[in-house]
Amino acid sequence: MKKLYAFIIAAMATISASAQIVVVNDGVVCNTKEPIVVKAVEEAFELEDGTFFYRVECGTQQPVLKNEGSSKAHVKVTIKSDDWKNIMWCGLINQCGPMFSDTEVREGSIAAGEESPIQIEGSFAGGPESYGTYKVTFTVESNGKSDTYELHLVYDESCTAGISEITTDNSSNKAIYDISGRRVNHINSGQIYIRDGKKFIAR
């Protein structure tokens, strides 16, 4: 009996130490009972080559999936929103795309100790009539566990106060990075990048 009990304890310890996916926002583990709020604004800047950049958030922070376990985790994320026509999803598989229905599903893997962005973006380009709050629920499934969170994408006009205009000089601080923090030399339309510490969508 003692051997059986010891085996059960060991098995439970192995499971708990394997893949443990949590949602983290600004360094804090998120609570499923409290909405995650991301303030955003949309501003377009035209560069010399005719390219438009659209910044969609007040800074670079968005919730991320973090694997706090000791082994690679397979993750399934389902997002749902009545505002799906105004939502673009770029997370988990690092590929941006608009929602084509009120429910979208993505699956991917996260290595032990690593993070993966959820990256759910709201477009406020429709003018004042589109300003407001977009509500999105996302369910994270991994290792037999399922947790559902609510994300609020809030339009906040005051965000513009913290945005400095993009210039076209070639100084080192104008480098562009992808959402994983890797420097890029070429950008693709529809993808999210970071420049001057701010996120933007290349159009």
Foldseek 3Di string as FASTA:
>chain_A
DVVVVVVVVVVVVVLVQEWDKFKDWPRHTDDQVDAAEFEWAWDWDAAPVRWIKIFTGLFLIDIKIFTQHQFKKKKKKKKFFPVQQFKWWQWDVRRIDGDPDRMDMDIHMDGHGGIIHRGITGDPVPPPVSAAKTKMKMWMDISRDIGIHIYIYHYDPCSVVNDDHDYDDDDPQQFKAASVRHTDDDDDARGWIAGNRTIIGID
